[in-house]
């Protein structure tokens, strides 16, 4: 008897999911790319940087056309170098997904937000794993050097390469 009830409940749940998907408005898909550059003071030198981002995503909508959830995939690279010694440089890569739920206002960043490597040195720092922003609370899973240290993560890595 329990198995029959479980099958009925599962069938009903699947039917509700299909019915709600059928009444939802078509999702909005988007792509973008962005080149950027700038500098940050590291005291005795500036961290010069230049990078590129490729962005693709989807916004799902309810049946009234209101946004329900955004799923955004971001890939890219960033080169950093010392203003006083341009040959001292490193290249970061990015490959992560941002999920935002409109009803709760919760954002989740998942994957490799930044991975900074240098030839012969390996990984200098990285922001990988998962960060969840919910109201004023932040939950972190994995090492997130840039989130914790800010620009100092880049400055310290450039100093280590010098």
N, C-alpha and C. Protein backbone atom coordinates (compact mmCIF):
# COMPACT_ATOMS: atom_id res chain seq x y z
N UNK A 1 0.82 -1.20 0.00
CA UNK A 1 0.00 0.00 0.00
C UNK A 1 0.87 1.26 0.00
N UNK A 2 1.94 1.28 0.78
CA UNK A 2 2.81 2.45 0.85
C UNK A 2 3.46 2.74 -0.49
N UNK A 3 3.82 1.68 -1.22
CA UNK A 3 4.44 1.87 -2.53
C UNK A 3 3.47 2.53 -3.49
N UNK A 4 2.20 2.11 -3.47
CA UNK A 4 1.18 2.67 -4.34
C UNK A 4 0.96 4.15 -4.03
N UNK A 5 0.95 4.50 -2.76
CA UNK A 5 0.78 5.90 -2.35
C UNK A 5 1.99 6.72 -2.82
N UNK A 6 3.18 6.19 -2.66
CA UNK A 6 4.39 6.90 -3.09
C UNK A 6 4.37 7.15 -4.59
N UNK A 7 3.94 6.15 -5.37
CA UNK A 7 3.87 6.32 -6.83
C UNK A 7 2.83 7.37 -7.19
N UNK A 8 1.69 7.38 -6.51
CA UNK A 8 0.66 8.38 -6.78
C UNK A 8 1.16 9.79 -6.45
N UNK A 9 1.83 9.93 -5.31
CA UNK A 9 2.36 11.24 -4.92
C UNK A 9 3.40 11.71 -5.92
N UNK A 10 4.29 10.81 -6.34
CA UNK A 10 5.31 11.18 -7.32
C UNK A 10 4.68 11.57 -8.65
N UNK A 11 3.67 10.84 -9.07
CA UNK A 11 2.98 11.17 -10.33
C UNK A 11 2.28 12.51 -10.24
N UNK A 12 1.64 12.79 -9.11
CA UNK A 12 0.95 14.06 -8.91
C UNK A 12 1.96 15.21 -8.92
N UNK A 13 3.09 15.03 -8.22
CA UNK A 13 4.12 16.07 -8.18
C UNK A 13 4.67 16.35 -9.58
N UNK A 14 4.94 15.29 -10.34
CA UNK A 14 5.44 15.47 -11.70
C UNK A 14 4.41 16.20 -12.56
N UNK A 15 3.14 15.89 -12.40
CA UNK A 15 2.08 16.55 -13.15
C UNK A 15 1.99 18.03 -12.80
N UNK A 16 2.15 18.37 -11.52
CA UNK A 16 2.13 19.78 -11.12
C UNK A 16 3.30 20.55 -11.69
N UNK A 17 4.48 19.94 -11.70
CA UNK A 17 5.65 20.60 -12.28
C UNK A 17 5.43 20.86 -13.75
N UNK A 18 4.93 19.87 -14.48
CA UNK A 18 4.67 20.05 -15.91
C UNK A 18 3.59 21.09 -16.15
N UNK A 19 2.56 21.10 -15.33
CA UNK A 19 1.48 22.08 -15.49
C UNK A 19 1.97 23.49 -15.23
N UNK A 20 2.80 23.66 -14.19
CA UNK A 20 3.29 25.01 -13.90
C UNK A 20 4.26 25.47 -14.97
N UNK A 21 5.07 24.55 -15.52
CA UNK A 21 5.99 24.92 -16.59
C UNK A 21 5.23 25.32 -17.84
N UNK A 22 4.10 24.67 -18.09
CA UNK A 22 3.31 24.96 -19.28
C UNK A 22 2.66 26.34 -19.19
N UNK A 23 2.39 26.81 -17.98
CA UNK A 23 1.72 28.11 -17.85
C UNK A 23 2.71 29.26 -17.66
N UNK A 24 3.99 28.96 -17.49
CA UNK A 24 4.98 30.02 -17.31
C UNK A 24 5.24 30.71 -18.64
N UNK A 25 5.62 31.99 -18.55
CA UNK A 25 5.99 32.74 -19.75
C UNK A 25 7.34 32.23 -20.26
N UNK A 26 7.61 32.45 -21.52
CA UNK A 26 8.89 32.02 -22.10
C UNK A 26 10.05 32.73 -21.41
N UNK A 27 11.14 32.01 -21.15
CA UNK A 27 12.29 32.63 -20.48
C UNK A 27 12.98 33.64 -21.39
N UNK A 28 13.72 34.53 -20.77
CA UNK A 28 14.50 35.52 -21.49
C UNK A 28 15.96 35.06 -21.47
N UNK A 29 16.56 34.91 -22.65
CA UNK A 29 17.96 34.50 -22.76
C UNK A 29 18.77 35.72 -23.18
N UNK A 30 19.99 35.79 -22.67
CA UNK A 30 20.82 36.95 -23.01
C UNK A 30 22.29 36.56 -23.02
N UNK A 31 23.08 37.33 -23.77
CA UNK A 31 24.53 37.19 -23.81
C UNK A 31 25.14 38.59 -23.82
N UNK A 32 26.37 38.67 -23.39
CA UNK A 32 27.08 39.94 -23.39
C UNK A 32 28.57 39.63 -23.26
N UNK A 33 29.39 40.61 -23.56
CA UNK A 33 30.82 40.50 -23.31
C UNK A 33 31.31 41.86 -22.89
N UNK A 34 32.40 41.87 -22.14
CA UNK A 34 32.88 43.12 -21.58
C UNK A 34 34.40 43.07 -21.47
N UNK A 35 35.06 44.09 -22.01
CA UNK A 35 36.49 44.28 -21.81
C UNK A 35 36.66 45.36 -20.76
N UNK A 36 37.62 45.20 -19.89
CA UNK A 36 37.82 46.19 -18.83
C UNK A 36 39.31 46.33 -18.53
N UNK A 37 39.68 47.43 -17.88
CA UNK A 37 41.06 47.66 -17.46
C UNK A 37 41.06 48.70 -16.35
N UNK A 38 42.17 48.78 -15.65
CA UNK A 38 42.30 49.76 -14.58
C UNK A 38 43.55 49.53 -13.78
N UNK A 39 43.60 50.15 -12.62
CA UNK A 39 44.75 49.98 -11.73
C UNK A 39 44.31 50.20 -10.29
N UNK A 40 45.09 49.60 -9.39
CA UNK A 40 44.85 49.72 -7.95
C UNK A 40 46.20 49.94 -7.29
N UNK A 41 46.26 50.85 -6.34
CA UNK A 41 47.51 51.12 -5.63
C UNK A 41 47.88 49.96 -4.71
N UNK A 42 49.15 49.57 -4.81
CA UNK A 42 49.71 48.56 -3.90
C UNK A 42 50.80 49.20 -3.04
N UNK A 43 50.73 50.49 -2.86
CA UNK A 43 51.75 51.20 -2.07
C UNK A 43 52.86 51.69 -2.96
N UNK A 44 53.91 50.89 -3.10
CA UNK A 44 55.08 51.32 -3.89
C UNK A 44 54.92 51.10 -5.39
N UNK A 45 53.87 50.45 -5.81
CA UNK A 45 53.58 50.25 -7.23
C UNK A 45 52.07 50.10 -7.40
N UNK A 46 51.63 50.15 -8.64
CA UNK A 46 50.21 49.93 -8.95
C UNK A 46 50.02 48.55 -9.55
N UNK A 47 48.93 47.92 -9.20
CA UNK A 47 48.50 46.68 -9.85
C UNK A 47 47.72 47.12 -11.08
N UNK A 48 48.31 46.90 -12.24
CA UNK A 48 47.64 47.22 -13.49
C UNK A 48 46.89 45.97 -13.93
N UNK A 49 45.69 46.13 -14.47
CA UNK A 49 44.95 44.95 -14.90
C UNK A 49 44.14 45.23 -16.16
N UNK A 50 43.94 44.16 -16.91
CA UNK A 50 43.15 44.19 -18.13
C UNK A 50 42.49 42.83 -18.25
N UNK A 51 41.21 42.82 -18.61
CA UNK A 51 40.52 41.53 -18.70
C UNK A 51 39.35 41.53 -19.66
N UNK A 52 38.75 40.35 -19.75
CA UNK A 52 37.61 40.14 -20.64
C UNK A 52 36.63 39.18 -19.97
N UNK A 53 35.33 39.46 -20.10
CA UNK A 53 34.28 38.59 -19.59
C UNK A 53 33.31 38.24 -20.70
N UNK A 54 32.90 36.97 -20.75
CA UNK A 54 31.80 36.53 -21.59
C UNK A 54 30.67 36.10 -20.66
N UNK A 55 29.47 36.59 -20.93
CA UNK A 55 28.33 36.40 -20.04
C UNK A 55 27.17 35.83 -20.85
N UNK A 56 26.56 34.78 -20.31
CA UNK A 56 25.35 34.24 -20.93
C UNK A 56 24.40 33.86 -19.80
N UNK A 57 23.12 34.05 -20.04
CA UNK A 57 22.19 33.74 -18.97
C UNK A 57 20.77 33.58 -19.42
N UNK A 58 19.94 33.26 -18.44
CA UNK A 58 18.53 33.07 -18.67
C UNK A 58 17.77 33.59 -17.46
N UNK A 59 16.68 34.29 -17.72
CA UNK A 59 15.75 34.71 -16.68
C UNK A 59 14.47 33.94 -16.88
N UNK A 60 14.07 33.16 -15.89
CA UNK A 60 12.80 32.45 -15.97
C UNK A 60 11.71 33.36 -15.42
N UNK A 61 10.52 33.23 -15.99
CA UNK A 61 9.39 34.09 -15.66
C UNK A 61 8.20 33.26 -15.21
N UNK A 62 7.35 33.88 -14.38
CA UNK A 62 6.11 33.20 -14.03
C UNK A 62 5.07 33.47 -15.13
N UNK A 63 3.87 32.98 -14.96
CA UNK A 63 2.86 33.11 -16.02
C UNK A 63 2.43 34.55 -16.27
N UNK A 64 2.72 35.47 -15.31
CA UNK A 64 2.40 36.88 -15.49
C UNK A 64 3.57 37.66 -16.09
N UNK A 65 4.66 36.97 -16.37
CA UNK A 65 5.82 37.64 -16.96
C UNK A 65 6.77 38.23 -15.93
N UNK A 66 6.57 37.97 -14.64
CA UNK A 66 7.45 38.48 -13.60
C UNK A 66 8.68 37.57 -13.48
N UNK A 67 9.86 38.17 -13.27
CA UNK A 67 11.06 37.35 -13.15
C UNK A 67 11.00 36.47 -11.89
N UNK A 68 11.42 35.23 -12.05
CA UNK A 68 11.46 34.27 -10.94
C UNK A 68 12.90 34.01 -10.54
N UNK A 69 13.76 33.73 -11.54
CA UNK A 69 15.14 33.36 -11.25
C UNK A 69 16.04 33.73 -12.42
N UNK A 70 17.24 34.19 -12.11
CA UNK A 70 18.29 34.42 -13.10
C UNK A 70 19.37 33.37 -12.90
N UNK A 71 19.86 32.82 -13.99
CA UNK A 71 21.02 31.94 -13.97
C UNK A 71 21.99 32.52 -14.99
N UNK A 72 23.15 32.98 -14.51
CA UNK A 72 24.11 33.70 -15.35
C UNK A 72 25.46 32.98 -15.28
N UNK A 73 25.99 32.60 -16.45
CA UNK A 73 27.30 31.95 -16.52
C UNK A 73 28.32 32.97 -16.99
N UNK A 74 29.44 33.05 -16.27
CA UNK A 74 30.48 34.04 -16.57
C UNK A 74 31.81 33.31 -16.75
N UNK A 75 32.46 33.57 -17.88
CA UNK A 75 33.81 33.07 -18.12
C UNK A 75 34.68 34.25 -18.51
N UNK A 76 35.97 34.10 -18.34
CA UNK A 76 36.85 35.18 -18.75
C UNK A 76 38.26 35.03 -18.21
N UNK A 77 39.03 36.07 -18.41
CA UNK A 77 40.42 36.11 -17.98
C UNK A 77 40.76 37.52 -17.53
N UNK A 78 41.83 37.63 -16.75
CA UNK A 78 42.33 38.94 -16.33
C UNK A 78 43.84 38.85 -16.17
N UNK A 79 44.56 39.76 -16.81
CA UNK A 79 46.01 39.84 -16.66
C UNK A 79 46.33 40.98 -15.71
N UNK A 80 47.19 40.72 -14.72
CA UNK A 80 47.64 41.74 -13.77
C UNK A 80 49.16 41.87 -13.89
N UNK A 81 49.68 43.09 -13.77
CA UNK A 81 51.11 43.31 -13.81
C UNK A 81 51.47 44.51 -12.97
N UNK A 82 52.76 44.56 -12.57
CA UNK A 82 53.25 45.68 -11.75
C UNK A 82 53.52 46.88 -12.64
N UNK A 83 53.13 48.06 -12.20
CA UNK A 83 53.36 49.29 -12.97
C UNK A 83 54.85 49.59 -13.10
N UNK A 84 55.64 49.25 -12.09
CA UNK A 84 57.07 49.55 -12.11
C UNK A 84 57.90 48.44 -12.75
N UNK A 85 57.32 47.24 -12.94
CA UNK A 85 58.01 46.11 -13.55
C UNK A 85 57.00 45.32 -14.36
N UNK A 86 56.64 45.80 -15.55
CA UNK A 86 55.60 45.15 -16.35
C UNK A 86 55.85 43.67 -16.67
N UNK A 87 57.10 43.22 -16.60
CA UNK A 87 57.37 41.81 -16.87
C UNK A 87 56.89 40.91 -15.73
N UNK A 88 56.63 41.49 -14.58
CA UNK A 88 56.07 40.72 -13.46
C UNK A 88 54.56 40.71 -13.65
N UNK A 89 54.04 39.57 -14.14
CA UNK A 89 52.62 39.51 -14.45
C UNK A 89 52.06 38.14 -14.11
N UNK A 90 50.75 38.07 -14.09
CA UNK A 90 50.02 36.83 -13.80
C UNK A 90 48.68 36.90 -14.51
N UNK A 91 48.10 35.75 -14.76
CA UNK A 91 46.83 35.71 -15.47
C UNK A 91 45.80 34.92 -14.67
N UNK A 92 44.65 35.50 -14.48
CA UNK A 92 43.54 34.85 -13.76
C UNK A 92 42.53 34.33 -14.77
N UNK A 93 41.83 33.29 -14.39
CA UNK A 93 40.71 32.80 -15.18
C UNK A 93 39.46 32.81 -14.32
N UNK A 94 38.32 32.87 -14.98
CA UNK A 94 37.01 32.85 -14.31
C UNK A 94 36.12 31.86 -15.04
N UNK A 95 35.32 31.13 -14.26
CA UNK A 95 34.34 30.22 -14.83
C UNK A 95 33.35 29.88 -13.72
N UNK A 96 32.29 30.69 -13.61
CA UNK A 96 31.36 30.48 -12.52
C UNK A 96 29.93 30.84 -12.93
N UNK A 97 29.00 30.44 -12.09
CA UNK A 97 27.59 30.67 -12.34
C UNK A 97 26.98 31.43 -11.18
N UNK A 98 26.19 32.45 -11.50
CA UNK A 98 25.46 33.22 -10.50
C UNK A 98 23.98 32.85 -10.62
N UNK A 99 23.37 32.50 -9.49
CA UNK A 99 21.94 32.20 -9.47
C UNK A 99 21.29 33.20 -8.52
N UNK A 100 20.27 33.90 -9.00
CA UNK A 100 19.53 34.86 -8.19
C UNK A 100 18.06 34.49 -8.19
N UNK A 101 17.48 34.36 -6.99
CA UNK A 101 16.06 34.03 -6.84
C UNK A 101 15.34 35.30 -6.39
N UNK A 102 14.43 35.79 -7.21
CA UNK A 102 13.75 37.06 -6.95
C UNK A 102 12.88 37.02 -5.69
N UNK A 103 12.18 35.93 -5.44
CA UNK A 103 11.27 35.85 -4.30
C UNK A 103 11.99 36.00 -2.96
N UNK A 104 13.21 35.49 -2.90
CA UNK A 104 13.96 35.53 -1.63
C UNK A 104 15.06 36.57 -1.63
N UNK A 105 15.46 37.06 -2.80
CA UNK A 105 16.58 37.99 -2.90
C UNK A 105 17.92 37.33 -2.64
N UNK A 106 17.98 36.01 -2.73
CA UNK A 106 19.21 35.26 -2.46
C UNK A 106 20.02 35.09 -3.74
N UNK A 107 21.32 35.40 -3.64
CA UNK A 107 22.25 35.19 -4.74
C UNK A 107 23.26 34.14 -4.33
N UNK A 108 23.59 33.26 -5.26
CA UNK A 108 24.59 32.23 -5.03
C UNK A 108 25.60 32.28 -6.17
N UNK A 109 26.89 32.44 -5.83
CA UNK A 109 27.97 32.42 -6.82
C UNK A 109 28.68 31.08 -6.68
N UNK A 110 28.72 30.32 -7.77
CA UNK A 110 29.19 28.93 -7.72
C UNK A 110 30.26 28.68 -8.77
N UNK A 111 31.41 28.15 -8.36
CA UNK A 111 32.46 27.79 -9.29
C UNK A 111 33.74 28.54 -9.00
N UNK A 112 34.48 28.83 -10.06
CA UNK A 112 35.77 29.51 -9.95
C UNK A 112 35.59 30.99 -10.29
N UNK A 113 35.32 31.79 -9.26
CA UNK A 113 35.14 33.23 -9.46
C UNK A 113 36.47 33.84 -9.92
N UNK A 114 37.57 33.44 -9.30
CA UNK A 114 38.92 33.84 -9.70
C UNK A 114 39.87 32.70 -9.39
N UNK A 115 40.72 32.36 -10.33
CA UNK A 115 41.85 31.48 -10.06
C UNK A 115 43.06 32.16 -10.68
N UNK A 116 44.00 32.56 -9.84
CA UNK A 116 45.17 33.32 -10.27
C UNK A 116 46.39 32.40 -10.25
N UNK A 117 46.98 32.19 -11.41
CA UNK A 117 48.16 31.32 -11.52
C UNK A 117 49.32 32.09 -12.13
N UNK A 118 50.52 31.58 -11.91
CA UNK A 118 51.72 32.17 -12.53
C UNK A 118 52.65 31.03 -12.91
N UNK A 119 53.32 31.14 -14.06
CA UNK A 119 54.25 30.09 -14.49
C UNK A 119 55.30 29.81 -13.42
N UNK A 120 55.50 28.54 -13.10
CA UNK A 120 56.50 28.15 -12.11
C UNK A 120 56.06 28.34 -10.67
N UNK A 121 54.95 29.04 -10.45
CA UNK A 121 54.47 29.32 -9.10
C UNK A 121 53.20 28.53 -8.76
N UNK A 122 52.43 28.20 -9.79
CA UNK A 122 51.15 27.53 -9.54
C UNK A 122 50.08 28.52 -9.13
N UNK A 123 49.14 28.06 -8.32
CA UNK A 123 48.02 28.90 -7.88
C UNK A 123 48.53 29.89 -6.83
N UNK A 124 48.33 31.18 -7.09
CA UNK A 124 48.72 32.23 -6.15
C UNK A 124 47.58 32.55 -5.18
N UNK A 125 46.37 32.55 -5.68
CA UNK A 125 45.18 32.70 -4.84
C UNK A 125 43.98 32.30 -5.68
N UNK A 126 42.87 32.05 -5.01
CA UNK A 126 41.66 31.72 -5.77
C UNK A 126 40.41 31.93 -4.93
N UNK A 127 39.35 32.19 -5.64
CA UNK A 127 38.00 32.26 -5.09
C UNK A 127 37.23 31.14 -5.78
N UNK A 128 37.07 30.03 -5.10
CA UNK A 128 36.39 28.88 -5.68
C UNK A 128 35.41 28.30 -4.67
N UNK A 129 34.41 27.63 -5.18
CA UNK A 129 33.40 27.03 -4.31
C UNK A 129 32.08 27.74 -4.46
N UNK A 130 31.54 28.16 -3.33
CA UNK A 130 30.20 28.71 -3.30
C UNK A 130 30.13 29.83 -2.28
N UNK A 131 29.52 30.95 -2.67
CA UNK A 131 29.22 32.04 -1.74
C UNK A 131 27.73 32.35 -1.90
N UNK A 132 27.01 32.40 -0.78
CA UNK A 132 25.59 32.71 -0.82
C UNK A 132 25.36 34.02 -0.07
N UNK A 133 24.71 34.97 -0.76
CA UNK A 133 24.36 36.26 -0.17
C UNK A 133 22.85 36.25 0.08
N UNK A 134 22.47 36.26 1.35
CA UNK A 134 21.05 36.23 1.72
C UNK A 134 20.80 37.35 2.72
N UNK A 135 20.20 38.44 2.24
CA UNK A 135 20.01 39.60 3.11
C UNK A 135 21.37 40.13 3.52
N UNK A 136 21.57 40.30 4.81
CA UNK A 136 22.86 40.76 5.32
C UNK A 136 23.81 39.64 5.66
N UNK A 137 23.45 38.41 5.36
CA UNK A 137 24.26 37.25 5.72
C UNK A 137 25.00 36.71 4.49
N UNK A 138 26.24 36.29 4.73
CA UNK A 138 27.05 35.68 3.68
C UNK A 138 27.50 34.32 4.20
N UNK A 139 27.29 33.29 3.40
CA UNK A 139 27.74 31.94 3.74
C UNK A 139 28.78 31.53 2.70
N UNK A 140 29.96 31.13 3.18
CA UNK A 140 31.08 30.83 2.30
C UNK A 140 31.47 29.37 2.42
N UNK A 141 31.60 28.71 1.27
CA UNK A 141 32.12 27.35 1.20
C UNK A 141 33.28 27.36 0.22
N UNK A 142 34.46 27.00 0.69
CA UNK A 142 35.65 27.00 -0.15
C UNK A 142 36.50 28.22 0.11
N UNK A 143 37.72 28.23 -0.40
CA UNK A 143 38.59 29.39 -0.23
C UNK A 143 38.14 30.54 -1.13
N UNK A 144 38.05 31.72 -0.55
CA UNK A 144 37.65 32.92 -1.30
C UNK A 144 38.58 34.06 -0.92
N UNK A 145 39.81 34.00 -1.45
CA UNK A 145 40.85 34.95 -1.10
C UNK A 145 40.50 36.39 -1.48
N UNK A 146 39.95 36.60 -2.68
CA UNK A 146 39.62 37.97 -3.10
C UNK A 146 38.46 38.50 -2.28
N UNK A 147 37.47 37.67 -2.00
CA UNK A 147 36.35 38.11 -1.17
C UNK A 147 36.85 38.51 0.22
N UNK A 148 37.79 37.73 0.78
CA UNK A 148 38.31 38.00 2.12
C UNK A 148 39.32 39.14 2.16
N UNK A 149 40.20 39.23 1.14
CA UNK A 149 41.32 40.18 1.17
C UNK A 149 41.15 41.38 0.25
N UNK A 150 40.25 41.31 -0.68
CA UNK A 150 40.08 42.40 -1.63
C UNK A 150 41.30 42.57 -2.52
N UNK A 151 41.66 43.84 -2.81
CA UNK A 151 42.79 44.14 -3.68
C UNK A 151 44.12 43.62 -3.14
N UNK A 152 44.22 43.44 -1.82
CA UNK A 152 45.47 42.95 -1.23
C UNK A 152 45.85 41.58 -1.78
N UNK A 153 44.89 40.75 -2.16
CA UNK A 153 45.21 39.44 -2.73
C UNK A 153 46.03 39.60 -4.01
N UNK A 154 45.67 40.56 -4.84
CA UNK A 154 46.39 40.82 -6.08
C UNK A 154 47.77 41.43 -5.78
N UNK A 155 47.80 42.41 -4.90
CA UNK A 155 49.08 43.08 -4.55
C UNK A 155 50.05 42.06 -3.96
N UNK A 156 49.59 41.22 -3.03
CA UNK A 156 50.47 40.24 -2.41
C UNK A 156 50.98 39.22 -3.41
N UNK A 157 50.14 38.82 -4.35
CA UNK A 157 50.57 37.87 -5.38
C UNK A 157 51.63 38.50 -6.28
N UNK A 158 51.46 39.76 -6.66
CA UNK A 158 52.47 40.43 -7.48
C UNK A 158 53.77 40.60 -6.72
N UNK A 159 53.70 40.87 -5.42
CA UNK A 159 54.92 40.94 -4.60
C UNK A 159 55.62 39.59 -4.55
N UNK A 160 54.86 38.52 -4.42
CA UNK A 160 55.44 37.17 -4.34
C UNK A 160 56.16 36.80 -5.64
N UNK A 161 55.70 37.35 -6.76
CA UNK A 161 56.33 37.06 -8.04
C UNK A 161 57.60 37.89 -8.29
N UNK A 162 57.78 38.94 -7.52
CA UNK A 162 58.91 39.87 -7.75
C UNK A 162 60.24 39.30 -7.34
